[in-house]
């Protein structure tokens, strides 16, 4: 396994929070919790049948 340099360790890989994106082009606002992002994505899929949404770490 590669040992990280001090500079590499200081680089932030990803942030905190979540967003959801759908195949219809919709991208959500930022959510602190995965559960709230998932609940909102599920509601979007109910409101727009045939749409598929996924939650991503922001």
C-alpha atoms as a PDB file:
ATOM      1  CA  UNK A   1       0.000   0.000   0.000  1.00  0.00           C
ATOM      2  CA  UNK A   2       1.258   3.470  -0.908  1.00  0.00           C
ATOM      3  CA  UNK A   3       2.236   5.740   1.964  1.00  0.00           C
ATOM      4  CA  UNK A   4       0.649   9.197   1.638  1.00  0.00           C
ATOM      5  CA  UNK A   5       2.788  12.293   1.710  1.00  0.00           C
ATOM      6  CA  UNK A   6       1.976  15.125   4.102  1.00  0.00           C
ATOM      7  CA  UNK A   7       0.697  17.178   1.162  1.00  0.00           C
ATOM      8  CA  UNK A   8      -1.613  14.369   0.011  1.00  0.00           C
ATOM      9  CA  UNK A   9      -2.979  13.999   3.529  1.00  0.00           C
ATOM     10  CA  UNK A  10      -3.956  17.686   3.595  1.00  0.00           C
ATOM     11  CA  UNK A  11      -6.049  17.404   0.402  1.00  0.00           C
ATOM     12  CA  UNK A  12      -9.730  17.012   1.210  1.00  0.00           C
ATOM     13  CA  UNK A  13     -11.224  14.104  -0.718  1.00  0.00           C
ATOM     14  CA  UNK A  14     -14.938  14.825  -0.804  1.00  0.00           C
ATOM     15  CA  UNK A  15     -16.826  16.890   1.679  1.00  0.00           C
ATOM     16  CA  UNK A  16     -19.644  16.315   4.072  1.00  0.00           C
ATOM     17  CA  UNK A  17     -23.260  15.953   3.164  1.00  0.00           C
ATOM     18  CA  UNK A  18     -25.221  14.461   0.307  1.00  0.00           C
ATOM     19  CA  UNK A  19     -27.013  15.373  -2.914  1.00  0.00           C
ATOM     20  CA  UNK A  20     -29.273  13.322  -5.121  1.00  0.00           C
ATOM     21  CA  UNK A  21     -29.332  13.312  -8.898  1.00  0.00           C
ATOM     22  CA  UNK A  22     -31.924  11.911 -11.270  1.00  0.00           C
ATOM     23  CA  UNK A  23     -31.968  10.698 -14.841  1.00  0.00           C
ATOM     24  CA  UNK A  24     -34.274  13.608 -15.715  1.00  0.00           C
ATOM     25  CA  UNK A  25     -31.456  16.057 -14.933  1.00  0.00           C
ATOM     26  CA  UNK A  26     -32.672  17.116 -11.500  1.00  0.00           C
ATOM     27  CA  UNK A  27     -29.953  17.762  -8.900  1.00  0.00           C
ATOM     28  CA  UNK A  28     -30.987  18.382  -5.315  1.00  0.00           C
ATOM     29  CA  UNK A  29     -29.951  20.959  -2.800  1.00  0.00           C
ATOM     30  CA  UNK A  30     -27.295  19.914  -0.289  1.00  0.00           C
ATOM     31  CA  UNK A  31     -28.411  17.666   2.601  1.00  0.00           C
ATOM     32  CA  UNK A  32     -26.478  17.105   5.815  1.00  0.00           C
ATOM     33  CA  UNK A  33     -27.928  13.621   6.360  1.00  0.00           C
ATOM     34  CA  UNK A  34     -28.164  10.697   3.957  1.00  0.00           C
ATOM     35  CA  UNK A  35     -31.658   9.896   5.208  1.00  0.00           C
ATOM     36  CA  UNK A  36     -33.091  13.316   4.308  1.00  0.00           C
ATOM     37  CA  UNK A  37     -31.486  13.158   0.865  1.00  0.00           C
ATOM     38  CA  UNK A  38     -32.885   9.657   0.282  1.00  0.00           C
ATOM     39  CA  UNK A  39     -36.366  10.628   1.496  1.00  0.00           C
ATOM     40  CA  UNK A  40     -36.426  13.597  -0.884  1.00  0.00           C
ATOM     41  CA  UNK A  41     -35.135  11.510  -3.792  1.00  0.00           C
ATOM     42  CA  UNK A  42     -37.849   8.926  -3.116  1.00  0.00           C
ATOM     43  CA  UNK A  43     -40.504  11.667  -3.087  1.00  0.00           C
ATOM     44  CA  UNK A  44     -39.203  12.995  -6.417  1.00  0.00           C
ATOM     45  CA  UNK A  45     -39.455   9.519  -7.966  1.00  0.00           C
ATOM     46  CA  UNK A  46     -43.055   9.222  -6.741  1.00  0.00           C
ATOM     47  CA  UNK A  47     -43.960  12.643  -8.155  1.00  0.00           C
ATOM     48  CA  UNK A  48     -42.269  11.892 -11.491  1.00  0.00           C
ATOM     49  CA  UNK A  49     -42.924   8.226 -12.365  1.00  0.00           C
ATOM     50  CA  UNK A  50     -40.194   6.608 -14.442  1.00  0.00           C
ATOM     51  CA  UNK A  51     -37.507   8.820 -12.936  1.00  0.00           C
ATOM     52  CA  UNK A  52     -34.551   7.104 -11.264  1.00  0.00           C
ATOM     53  CA  UNK A  53     -32.616   8.990  -8.582  1.00  0.00           C
ATOM     54  CA  UNK A  54     -29.448   8.168  -6.670  1.00  0.00           C
ATOM     55  CA  UNK A  55     -27.920   9.719  -3.563  1.00  0.00           C
ATOM     56  CA  UNK A  56     -24.250  10.720  -3.675  1.00  0.00           C
ATOM     57  CA  UNK A  57     -21.732  11.794  -1.044  1.00  0.00           C
ATOM     58  CA  UNK A  58     -21.052  15.448  -1.753  1.00  0.00           C
END
